[in-house]
Amino acid sequence: MKEIVVLSGKGGTGKTILVASFAALAQGKVMADCDVDAADLYLLLQPSKQKTEEFWSGKTAFIDKKFCTGCGVCEEVCRFGAIENFKVDPISCEGCDFCFHVCPEKTITMRDNLSGHWFISDTRYGPLVHARLGIAQENSGKLVAVVRQNAKRIAEEQGLSYIISDGPPGIGCPVISSLSGANLALLVTEPTLSGMHDLDRILGVCRHFGVPALVCINKYDINEENTRQIEGYCQRQEVEVISRLPFDNVVTEALVQGLPVVEYSKDGIAREIKALWHRVSAVLAGADK
């Protein structure tokens, strides 16, 4: 079993589009949507939920007004302005426990948060593990870990060959949770200044955790000078640019139809994405040697 995670230093580079196409192309796989803050892989895979579980993480303060004397100490010490008129705003509360420890009457308790839900679903391409983080909730890194653990369990139980993960953008905690322990990272970038800058950041994260990385330049032909700069940078960093995908309106047409690109079309960029998956799977197979 091999796990590949598709990442980028920024959003909007085309990660989900590639993962959906990989799901249609790969044999014996489970998909994991690790972008729990803004999950959208389900829009293309159209899953049927088989299991729904609650995700509890973090704590929120609660003041029992029956025993509160109104001394105001909790309001004074709260650095987040979460307590007003002896009532806790659950959106502003960071669960730091400070008010709990300083309350002279011990009327404040810390209650567990229902931070979101995670799901196991069936799709026409295979099982999908995905999640939805609640509004203004944190600890998305922990929820990503839950998604990956269940994807791995399914892969082991069903004897599947691949875990294909759609990673979150950026370089923060959810990305680290998505990346650590993976066999390969496919970094999707675009020939823009922000794309070039954020490629450097995410490549640094991959190296820190010892995860081999490949680079795919999406929409390479919108600025071929920047594309050459990215290729030169990757050559200096000894990272392979495994694919250059052209801009193609077929991608937008496929999204409108709710289909992976390789199912909507067989030519042009669909052929390039298919070739990309064959190269990626060959690299994963070579990791056993």
C-alpha atoms as a PDB file:
ATOM      1  CA  MET A   1       0.000   0.000   0.000  1.00  0.00           C
ATOM      2  CA  LYS A   2       1.356   3.402  -1.016  1.00  0.00           C
ATOM      3  CA  GLU A   3       0.078   6.801   0.008  1.00  0.00           C
ATOM      4  CA  ILE A   4       0.377   9.832  -2.250  1.00  0.00           C
ATOM      5  CA  VAL A   5      -0.737  13.269  -1.089  1.00  0.00           C
ATOM      6  CA  VAL A   6      -1.373  16.080  -3.579  1.00  0.00           C
ATOM      7  CA  LEU A   7      -0.346  19.450  -2.145  1.00  0.00           C
ATOM      8  CA  SER A   8       0.395  23.033  -3.080  1.00  0.00           C
ATOM      9  CA  GLY A   9       1.599  26.029  -1.173  1.00  0.00           C
ATOM     10  CA  LYS A  10      -1.557  27.947  -2.125  1.00  0.00           C
ATOM     11  CA  GLY A  11      -5.157  27.268  -3.040  1.00  0.00           C
ATOM     12  CA  GLY A  12      -6.609  27.152  -6.536  1.00  0.00           C
ATOM     13  CA  THR A  13      -3.761  25.379  -8.299  1.00  0.00           C
ATOM     14  CA  GLY A  14      -5.813  22.343  -9.361  1.00  0.00           C
ATOM     15  CA  LYS A  15      -5.147  19.742  -6.645  1.00  0.00           C
ATOM     16  CA  THR A  16      -8.722  18.501  -6.391  1.00  0.00           C
ATOM     17  CA  ILE A  17      -9.098  18.282 -10.166  1.00  0.00           C
ATOM     18  CA  LEU A  18      -6.042  16.014 -10.350  1.00  0.00           C
ATOM     19  CA  VAL A  19      -7.080  13.875  -7.380  1.00  0.00           C
ATOM     20  CA  ALA A  20     -10.536  13.290  -8.899  1.00  0.00           C
ATOM     21  CA  SER A  21      -8.920  12.200 -12.166  1.00  0.00           C
ATOM     22  CA  PHE A  22      -6.456   9.944 -10.311  1.00  0.00           C
ATOM     23  CA  ALA A  23      -9.456   8.379  -8.559  1.00  0.00           C
ATOM     24  CA  ALA A  24     -10.962   7.548 -11.949  1.00  0.00           C
ATOM     25  CA  LEU A  25      -7.680   6.183 -13.311  1.00  0.00           C
ATOM     26  CA  ALA A  26      -6.157   4.227 -10.421  1.00  0.00           C
ATOM     27  CA  GLN A  27      -7.049   0.649  -9.586  1.00  0.00           C
ATOM     28  CA  GLY A  28      -7.424  -0.571  -6.009  1.00  0.00           C
ATOM     29  CA  LYS A  29      -7.443   2.712  -4.071  1.00  0.00           C
ATOM     30  CA  VAL A  30      -9.146   4.654  -1.314  1.00  0.00           C
ATOM     31  CA  MET A  31      -9.477   8.438  -1.532  1.00  0.00           C
ATOM     32  CA  ALA A  32      -9.013  10.793   1.407  1.00  0.00           C
ATOM     33  CA  ASP A  33     -10.052  14.450   1.366  1.00  0.00           C
ATOM     34  CA  CYS A  34      -7.704  16.034   3.895  1.00  0.00           C
ATOM     35  CA  ASP A  35      -8.804  19.597   3.151  1.00  0.00           C
ATOM     36  CA  VAL A  36     -11.300  19.474   6.024  1.00  0.00           C
ATOM     37  CA  ASP A  37     -11.649  23.274   6.270  1.00  0.00           C
ATOM     38  CA  ALA A  38     -12.998  23.530   2.720  1.00  0.00           C
ATOM     39  CA  ALA A  39     -13.660  20.000   1.478  1.00  0.00           C
ATOM     40  CA  ASP A  40     -14.790  19.871  -2.148  1.00  0.00           C
ATOM     41  CA  LEU A  41     -13.563  16.553  -3.562  1.00  0.00           C
ATOM     42  CA  TYR A  42     -17.057  15.153  -2.946  1.00  0.00           C
ATOM     43  CA  LEU A  43     -18.419  17.542  -5.589  1.00  0.00           C
ATOM     44  CA  LEU A  44     -16.661  15.525  -8.298  1.00  0.00           C
ATOM     45  CA  LEU A  45     -16.802  12.047  -6.753  1.00  0.00           C
ATOM     46  CA  GLN A  46     -20.488  12.335  -5.744  1.00  0.00           C
ATOM     47  CA  PRO A  47     -20.275  10.002  -2.720  1.00  0.00           C
ATOM     48  CA  SER A  48     -23.016   8.068  -1.003  1.00  0.00           C
ATOM     49  CA  LYS A  49     -22.436   8.305   2.754  1.00  0.00           C
ATOM     50  CA  GLN A  50     -22.225   4.966   4.525  1.00  0.00           C
ATOM     51  CA  LYS A  51     -21.005   6.080   7.932  1.00  0.00           C
ATOM     52  CA  THR A  52     -21.082   9.398   9.809  1.00  0.00           C
ATOM     53  CA  GLU A  53     -19.133  10.018  13.019  1.00  0.00           C
ATOM     54  CA  GLU A  54     -18.870  13.036  15.292  1.00  0.00           C
ATOM     55  CA  PHE A  55     -15.518  14.729  15.827  1.00  0.00           C
ATOM     56  CA  TRP A  56     -15.034  16.062  19.341  1.00  0.00           C
ATOM     57  CA  SER A  57     -12.017  18.238  19.986  1.00  0.00           C
ATOM     58  CA  GLY A  58     -11.127  21.197  22.170  1.00  0.00           C
ATOM     59  CA  LYS A  59     -13.126  22.673  25.034  1.00  0.00           C
ATOM     60  CA  THR A  60     -15.358  25.679  25.693  1.00  0.00           C
ATOM     61  CA  ALA A  61     -15.945  27.372  29.047  1.00  0.00           C
ATOM     62  CA  PHE A  62     -19.410  27.269  30.600  1.00  0.00           C
ATOM     63  CA  ILE A  63     -20.536  29.403  33.552  1.00  0.00           C
ATOM     64  CA  ASP A  64     -23.156  27.938  35.900  1.00  0.00           C
ATOM     65  CA  LYS A  65     -25.183  31.024  36.796  1.00  0.00           C
ATOM     66  CA  LYS A  66     -26.841  29.272  39.735  1.00  0.00           C
ATOM     67  CA  PHE A  67     -23.596  29.537  41.710  1.00  0.00           C
ATOM     68  CA  CYS A  68     -21.973  32.559  40.010  1.00  0.00           C
ATOM     69  CA  THR A  69     -21.539  35.519  42.414  1.00  0.00           C
ATOM     70  CA  GLY A  70     -20.816  38.004  39.625  1.00  0.00           C
ATOM     71  CA  CYS A  71     -17.341  38.887  40.884  1.00  0.00           C
ATOM     72  CA  GLY A  72     -16.158  39.605  37.316  1.00  0.00           C
ATOM     73  CA  VAL A  73     -12.759  37.925  37.652  1.00  0.00           C
ATOM     74  CA  CYS A  74     -13.396  35.732  34.611  1.00  0.00           C
ATOM     75  CA  GLU A  75     -14.196  38.733  32.415  1.00  0.00           C
ATOM     76  CA  GLU A  76     -11.045  40.519  33.577  1.00  0.00           C
ATOM     77  CA  VAL A  77      -8.659  37.664  32.821  1.00  0.00           C
ATOM     78  CA  CYS A  78     -10.126  36.535  29.468  1.00  0.00           C
ATOM     79  CA  ARG A  79      -7.707  37.798  26.815  1.00  0.00           C
ATOM     80  CA  PHE A  80     -10.084  36.885  24.005  1.00  0.00           C
ATOM     81  CA  GLY A  81     -13.084  38.931  25.121  1.00  0.00           C
ATOM     82  CA  ALA A  82     -15.152  35.753  25.180  1.00  0.00           C
ATOM     83  CA  ILE A  83     -16.978  36.506  28.451  1.00  0.00           C
ATOM     84  CA  GLU A  84     -19.516  39.291  28.699  1.00  0.00           C
ATOM     85  CA  ASN A  85     -22.250  39.692  31.332  1.00  0.00           C
ATOM     86  CA  PHE A  86     -21.073  36.382  32.757  1.00  0.00           C
ATOM     87  CA  LYS A  87     -21.916  34.514  29.586  1.00  0.00           C
ATOM     88  CA  VAL A  88     -19.363  32.767  27.357  1.00  0.00           C
ATOM     89  CA  ASP A  89     -19.375  33.354  23.610  1.00  0.00           C
ATOM     90  CA  PRO A  90     -18.458  29.877  22.242  1.00  0.00           C
ATOM     91  CA  ILE A  91     -17.123  31.358  18.992  1.00  0.00           C
ATOM     92  CA  SER A  92     -14.623  33.620  20.791  1.00  0.00           C
ATOM     93  CA  CYS A  93     -13.636  31.150  23.521  1.00  0.00           C
ATOM     94  CA  GLU A  94     -10.247  29.551  22.842  1.00  0.00           C
ATOM     95  CA  GLY A  95     -10.595  26.886  25.539  1.00  0.00           C
ATOM     96  CA  CYS A  96      -7.473  28.052  27.387  1.00  0.00           C
ATOM     97  CA  ASP A  97      -8.879  27.082  30.840  1.00  0.00           C
ATOM     98  CA  PHE A  98      -7.674  30.338  32.464  1.00  0.00           C
ATOM     99  CA  CYS A  99     -11.132  31.383  33.670  1.00  0.00           C
ATOM    100  CA  PHE A 100     -11.698  27.871  34.988  1.00  0.00           C
ATOM    101  CA  HIS A 101      -8.589  28.072  37.176  1.00  0.00           C
ATOM    102  CA  VAL A 102      -9.117  31.600  38.519  1.00  0.00           C
ATOM    103  CA  CYS A 103     -12.853  31.416  39.333  1.00  0.00           C
ATOM    104  CA  PRO A 104     -13.036  31.754  43.149  1.00  0.00           C
ATOM    105  CA  GLU A 105     -16.417  29.980  43.316  1.00  0.00           C
ATOM    106  CA  LYS A 106     -15.441  27.149  40.932  1.00  0.00           C
ATOM    107  CA  THR A 107     -18.585  27.734  38.881  1.00  0.00           C
ATOM    108  CA  ILE A 108     -16.854  27.444  35.482  1.00  0.00           C
ATOM    109  CA  THR A 109     -16.525  24.090  33.750  1.00  0.00           C
ATOM    110  CA  MET A 110     -14.841  23.181  30.480  1.00  0.00           C
ATOM    111  CA  ARG A 111     -17.081  21.282  28.087  1.00  0.00           C
ATOM    112  CA  ASP A 112     -15.984  19.256  25.072  1.00  0.00           C
ATOM    113  CA  ASN A 113     -16.683  20.740  21.632  1.00  0.00           C
ATOM    114  CA  LEU A 114     -18.495  19.023  18.812  1.00  0.00           C
ATOM    115  CA  SER A 115     -16.043  20.362  16.229  1.00  0.00           C
ATOM    116  CA  GLY A 116     -17.263  18.601  13.122  1.00  0.00           C
ATOM    117  CA  HIS A 117     -18.065  15.270  11.487  1.00  0.00           C
ATOM    118  CA  TRP A 118     -16.177  12.723   9.417  1.00  0.00           C
ATOM    119  CA  PHE A 119     -17.620  10.319   6.870  1.00  0.00           C
ATOM    120  CA  ILE A 120     -16.927   7.074   5.095  1.00  0.00           C
ATOM    121  CA  SER A 121     -18.636   7.019   1.709  1.00  0.00           C
ATOM    122  CA  ASP A 122     -18.892   4.913  -1.416  1.00  0.00           C
ATOM    123  CA  THR A 123     -18.231   6.370  -4.850  1.00  0.00           C
ATOM    124  CA  ARG A 124     -18.245   4.802  -8.284  1.00  0.00           C
ATOM    125  CA  TYR A 125     -14.451   4.924  -8.078  1.00  0.00           C
ATOM    126  CA  GLY A 126     -14.047   3.326  -4.640  1.00  0.00           C
ATOM    127  CA  PRO A 127     -14.268   4.320  -0.958  1.00  0.00           C
ATOM    128  CA  LEU A 128     -13.826   7.938   0.113  1.00  0.00           C
ATOM    129  CA  VAL A 129     -13.025   9.200   3.606  1.00  0.00           C
ATOM    130  CA  HIS A 130     -13.836  12.874   4.099  1.00  0.00           C
ATOM    131  CA  ALA A 131     -14.824  15.335   6.804  1.00  0.00           C
ATOM    132  CA  ARG A 132     -16.413  18.666   7.535  1.00  0.00           C
ATOM    133  CA  LEU A 133     -15.017  20.957  10.215  1.00  0.00           C
ATOM    134  CA  GLY A 134     -17.583  23.072  12.053  1.00  0.00           C
ATOM    135  CA  ILE A 135     -17.838  26.842  11.628  1.00  0.00           C
ATOM    136  CA  ALA A 136     -15.052  28.690  13.501  1.00  0.00           C
ATOM    137  CA  GLN A 137     -13.684  25.378  14.838  1.00  0.00           C
ATOM    138  CA  GLU A 138     -10.005  24.577  15.110  1.00  0.00           C
ATOM    139  CA  ASN A 139      -7.883  21.434  15.510  1.00  0.00           C
ATOM    140  CA  SER A 140      -8.255  20.631  11.807  1.00  0.00           C
ATOM    141  CA  GLY A 141      -4.907  18.827  12.001  1.00  0.00           C
ATOM    142  CA  LYS A 142      -6.453  16.289  14.386  1.00  0.00           C
ATOM    143  CA  LEU A 143      -9.422  15.806  12.078  1.00  0.00           C
ATOM    144  CA  VAL A 144      -7.045  15.254   9.146  1.00  0.00           C
ATOM    145  CA  ALA A 145      -5.318  12.551  11.217  1.00  0.00           C
ATOM    146  CA  VAL A 146      -8.684  10.849  11.782  1.00  0.00           C
ATOM    147  CA  VAL A 147      -9.403  10.913   8.036  1.00  0.00           C
ATOM    148  CA  ARG A 148      -5.995   9.417   7.191  1.00  0.00           C
ATOM    149  CA  GLN A 149      -6.218   6.739   9.886  1.00  0.00           C
ATOM    150  CA  ASN A 150      -9.551   5.521   8.576  1.00  0.00           C
ATOM    151  CA  ALA A 151      -8.375   5.622   4.964  1.00  0.00           C
ATOM    152  CA  LYS A 152      -5.400   3.482   5.951  1.00  0.00           C
ATOM    153  CA  ARG A 153      -7.640   1.061   7.863  1.00  0.00           C
ATOM    154  CA  ILE A 154      -9.916   0.649   4.839  1.00  0.00           C
ATOM    155  CA  ALA A 155      -6.941   0.109   2.538  1.00  0.00           C
ATOM    156  CA  GLU A 156      -5.551  -2.581   4.836  1.00  0.00           C
ATOM    157  CA  GLU A 157      -8.895  -4.338   5.297  1.00  0.00           C
ATOM    158  CA  GLN A 158      -9.680  -4.383   1.574  1.00  0.00           C
ATOM    159  CA  GLY A 159      -6.131  -5.002   0.375  1.00  0.00           C
ATOM    160  CA  LEU A 160      -6.002  -1.811  -1.682  1.00  0.00           C
ATOM    161  CA  SER A 161      -2.823  -0.590  -3.378  1.00  0.00           C
ATOM    162  CA  TYR A 162      -3.123   3.183  -2.973  1.00  0.00           C
ATOM    163  CA  ILE A 163      -4.299   5.920  -0.674  1.00  0.00           C
ATOM    164  CA  ILE A 164      -4.794   9.073  -2.746  1.00  0.00           C
ATOM    165  CA  SER A 165      -5.110  12.171  -0.557  1.00  0.00           C
ATOM    166  CA  ASP A 166      -6.308  15.615  -1.559  1.00  0.00           C
ATOM    167  CA  GLY A 167      -4.267  17.818   0.752  1.00  0.00           C
ATOM    168  CA  PRO A 168      -5.073  21.275   2.102  1.00  0.00           C
ATOM    169  CA  PRO A 169      -3.317  24.414   0.811  1.00  0.00           C
ATOM    170  CA  GLY A 170      -0.584  26.238   2.698  1.00  0.00           C
ATOM    171  CA  ILE A 171       2.061  24.899   5.068  1.00  0.00           C
ATOM    172  CA  GLY A 172       0.207  24.864   8.409  1.00  0.00           C
ATOM    173  CA  CYS A 173      -0.898  22.160  10.818  1.00  0.00           C
ATOM    174  CA  PRO A 174      -3.418  20.458   8.450  1.00  0.00           C
ATOM    175  CA  VAL A 175      -0.710  20.179   5.772  1.00  0.00           C
ATOM    176  CA  ILE A 176       1.762  18.667   8.229  1.00  0.00           C
ATOM    177  CA  SER A 177      -0.900  16.205   9.375  1.00  0.00           C
ATOM    178  CA  SER A 178      -1.626  15.282   5.733  1.00  0.00           C
ATOM    179  CA  LEU A 179       2.026  14.875   4.778  1.00  0.00           C
ATOM    180  CA  SER A 180       3.805  13.109   7.608  1.00  0.00           C
ATOM    181  CA  GLY A 181       4.347   9.439   6.848  1.00  0.00           C
ATOM    182  CA  ALA A 182       3.219   9.618   3.210  1.00  0.00           C
ATOM    183  CA  ASN A 183       5.236   7.822   0.531  1.00  0.00           C
ATOM    184  CA  LEU A 184       5.145  10.631  -2.014  1.00  0.00           C
ATOM    185  CA  ALA A 185       4.001  14.243  -2.353  1.00  0.00           C
ATOM    186  CA  LEU A 186       2.872  15.647  -5.692  1.00  0.00           C
ATOM    187  CA  LEU A 187       3.257  19.422  -5.529  1.00  0.00           C
ATOM    188  CA  VAL A 188       0.973  21.287  -7.912  1.00  0.00           C
ATOM    189  CA  THR A 189       2.052  24.816  -8.787  1.00  0.00           C
ATOM    190  CA  GLU A 190       1.286  27.422 -11.416  1.00  0.00           C
ATOM    191  CA  PRO A 191       3.547  29.913 -13.235  1.00  0.00           C
ATOM    192  CA  THR A 192       2.625  32.934 -11.123  1.00  0.00           C
ATOM    193  CA  LEU A 193       4.705  34.825  -8.571  1.00  0.00           C
ATOM    194  CA  SER A 194       2.595  33.528  -5.671  1.00  0.00           C
ATOM    195  CA  GLY A 195       2.742  30.006  -7.069  1.00  0.00           C
ATOM    196  CA  MET A 196       6.533  30.143  -7.315  1.00  0.00           C
ATOM    197  CA  HIS A 197       6.892  31.550  -3.801  1.00  0.00           C
ATOM    198  CA  ASP A 198       4.583  28.996  -2.197  1.00  0.00           C
ATOM    199  CA  LEU A 199       6.168  26.080  -4.045  1.00  0.00           C
ATOM    200  CA  ASP A 200       9.392  26.928  -2.238  1.00  0.00           C
ATOM    201  CA  ARG A 201       7.586  26.867   1.121  1.00  0.00           C
ATOM    202  CA  ILE A 202       5.801  23.553   0.650  1.00  0.00           C
ATOM    203  CA  LEU A 203       8.947  21.915  -0.726  1.00  0.00           C
ATOM    204  CA  GLY A 204      10.701  22.941   2.496  1.00  0.00           C
ATOM    205  CA  VAL A 205       7.973  21.208   4.524  1.00  0.00           C
ATOM    206  CA  CYS A 206       8.353  18.023   2.464  1.00  0.00           C
ATOM    207  CA  ARG A 207      12.085  17.988   3.048  1.00  0.00           C
ATOM    208  CA  HIS A 208      11.663  18.601   6.763  1.00  0.00           C
ATOM    209  CA  PHE A 209       9.515  15.471   7.060  1.00  0.00           C
ATOM    210  CA  GLY A 210      11.594  13.431   4.655  1.00  0.00           C
ATOM    211  CA  VAL A 211       8.806  12.904   2.093  1.00  0.00           C
ATOM    212  CA  PRO A 212       9.957  12.629  -1.558  1.00  0.00           C
ATOM    213  CA  ALA A 213       8.339  15.241  -3.803  1.00  0.00           C
ATOM    214  CA  LEU A 214       7.517  15.640  -7.474  1.00  0.00           C
ATOM    215  CA  VAL A 215       6.321  18.847  -9.131  1.00  0.00           C
ATOM    216  CA  CYS A 216       3.511  19.356 -11.619  1.00  0.00           C
ATOM    217  CA  ILE A 217       3.236  22.777 -13.289  1.00  0.00           C
ATOM    218  CA  ASN A 218      -0.421  23.399 -14.069  1.00  0.00           C
ATOM    219  CA  LYS A 219      -1.435  25.901 -16.771  1.00  0.00           C
ATOM    220  CA  TYR A 220       2.231  26.179 -17.716  1.00  0.00           C
ATOM    221  CA  ASP A 221       1.475  28.028 -20.950  1.00  0.00           C
ATOM    222  CA  ILE A 222      -0.098  31.114 -19.334  1.00  0.00           C
ATOM    223  CA  ASN A 223       3.426  32.381 -18.576  1.00  0.00           C
ATOM    224  CA  GLU A 224       6.170  30.297 -20.103  1.00  0.00           C
ATOM    225  CA  GLU A 225       8.924  32.536 -18.733  1.00  0.00           C
ATOM    226  CA  ASN A 226       7.794  31.807 -15.182  1.00  0.00           C
ATOM    227  CA  THR A 227       7.495  28.144 -16.109  1.00  0.00           C
ATOM    228  CA  ARG A 228      11.160  28.132 -17.119  1.00  0.00           C
ATOM    229  CA  GLN A 229      12.051  29.791 -13.817  1.00  0.00           C
ATOM    230  CA  ILE A 230      10.180  27.095 -11.902  1.00  0.00           C
ATOM    231  CA  GLU A 231      11.951  24.377 -13.888  1.00  0.00           C
ATOM    232  CA  GLY A 232      15.312  26.005 -13.207  1.00  0.00           C
ATOM    233  CA  TYR A 233      14.499  26.248  -9.499  1.00  0.00           C
ATOM    234  CA  CYS A 234      13.454  22.584  -9.369  1.00  0.00           C
ATOM    235  CA  GLN A 235      16.637  21.552 -11.179  1.00  0.00           C
ATOM    236  CA  ARG A 236      18.751  23.396  -8.597  1.00  0.00           C
ATOM    237  CA  GLN A 237      16.755  21.771  -5.803  1.00  0.00           C
ATOM    238  CA  GLU A 238      17.106  18.350  -7.468  1.00  0.00           C
ATOM    239  CA  VAL A 239      13.333  17.914  -7.668  1.00  0.00           C
ATOM    240  CA  GLU A 240      11.799  16.422 -10.792  1.00  0.00           C
ATOM    241  CA  VAL A 241       9.173  18.330 -12.747  1.00  0.00           C
ATOM    242  CA  ILE A 242       7.110  15.304 -13.685  1.00  0.00           C
ATOM    243  CA  SER A 243       4.476  17.069 -15.794  1.00  0.00           C
ATOM    244  CA  ARG A 244       3.525  20.343 -17.456  1.00  0.00           C
ATOM    245  CA  LEU A 245      -0.215  20.649 -17.965  1.00  0.00           C
ATOM    246  CA  PRO A 246      -1.593  23.240 -20.418  1.00  0.00           C
ATOM    247  CA  PHE A 247      -4.497  25.588 -19.794  1.00  0.00           C
ATOM    248  CA  ASP A 248      -7.637  24.006 -21.238  1.00  0.00           C
ATOM    249  CA  ASN A 249     -11.284  25.115 -21.058  1.00  0.00           C
ATOM    250  CA  VAL A 250     -12.239  21.431 -20.973  1.00  0.00           C
ATOM    251  CA  VAL A 251     -11.378  21.482 -17.253  1.00  0.00           C
ATOM    252  CA  THR A 252     -14.066  24.081 -16.568  1.00  0.00           C
ATOM    253  CA  GLU A 253     -16.557  22.196 -18.712  1.00  0.00           C
ATOM    254  CA  ALA A 254     -15.882  19.005 -16.745  1.00  0.00           C
ATOM    255  CA  LEU A 255     -16.359  20.848 -13.451  1.00  0.00           C
ATOM    256  CA  VAL A 256     -19.710  22.195 -14.611  1.00  0.00           C
ATOM    257  CA  GLN A 257     -20.789  18.643 -15.387  1.00  0.00           C
ATOM    258  CA  GLY A 258     -19.482  17.393 -12.034  1.00  0.00           C
ATOM    259  CA  LEU A 259     -17.067  14.931 -13.635  1.00  0.00           C
ATOM    260  CA  PRO A 260     -13.334  14.233 -13.412  1.00  0.00           C
ATOM    261  CA  VAL A 261     -11.562  15.601 -16.463  1.00  0.00           C
ATOM    262  CA  VAL A 262     -10.469  12.134 -17.674  1.00  0.00           C
ATOM    263  CA  GLU A 263     -14.103  10.993 -17.737  1.00  0.00           C
ATOM    264  CA  TYR A 264     -15.396  14.081 -19.500  1.00  0.00           C
ATOM    265  CA  SER A 265     -12.750  14.013 -22.241  1.00  0.00           C
ATOM    266  CA  LYS A 266     -10.185  11.592 -23.672  1.00  0.00           C
ATOM    267  CA  ASP A 267      -8.014  14.069 -25.558  1.00  0.00           C
ATOM    268  CA  GLY A 268      -5.864  17.105 -24.805  1.00  0.00           C
ATOM    269  CA  ILE A 269      -5.310  17.721 -21.118  1.00  0.00           C
ATOM    270  CA  ALA A 270      -7.146  14.500 -20.197  1.00  0.00           C
ATOM    271  CA  ARG A 271      -4.444  12.552 -22.028  1.00  0.00           C
ATOM    272  CA  GLU A 272      -1.761  14.550 -20.197  1.00  0.00           C
ATOM    273  CA  ILE A 273      -3.335  13.831 -16.801  1.00  0.00           C
ATOM    274  CA  LYS A 274      -3.514  10.141 -17.636  1.00  0.00           C
ATOM    275  CA  ALA A 275       0.186  10.172 -18.528  1.00  0.00           C
ATOM    276  CA  LEU A 276       0.913  12.005 -15.267  1.00  0.00           C
ATOM    277  CA  TRP A 277      -0.793   9.274 -13.237  1.00  0.00           C
ATOM    278  CA  HIS A 278       1.188   6.577 -15.044  1.00  0.00           C
ATOM    279  CA  ARG A 279       4.418   8.406 -14.167  1.00  0.00           C
ATOM    280  CA  VAL A 280       3.386   8.867 -10.541  1.00  0.00           C
ATOM    281  CA  SER A 281       2.384   5.204 -10.149  1.00  0.00           C
ATOM    282  CA  ALA A 282       5.695   4.155 -11.682  1.00  0.00           C
ATOM    283  CA  VAL A 283       7.564   6.271  -9.110  1.00  0.00           C
ATOM    284  CA  LEU A 284       5.506   4.715  -6.306  1.00  0.00           C
ATOM    285  CA  ALA A 285       6.232   1.232  -7.639  1.00  0.00           C
ATOM    286  CA  GLY A 286       9.937   2.055  -7.777  1.00  0.00           C
ATOM    287  CA  ALA A 287       9.877   2.954  -4.078  1.00  0.00           C
ATOM    288  CA  ASP A 288       9.681  -0.785  -3.290  1.00  0.00           C
ATOM    289  CA  LYS A 289      12.971  -1.487  -5.044  1.00  0.00           C
END
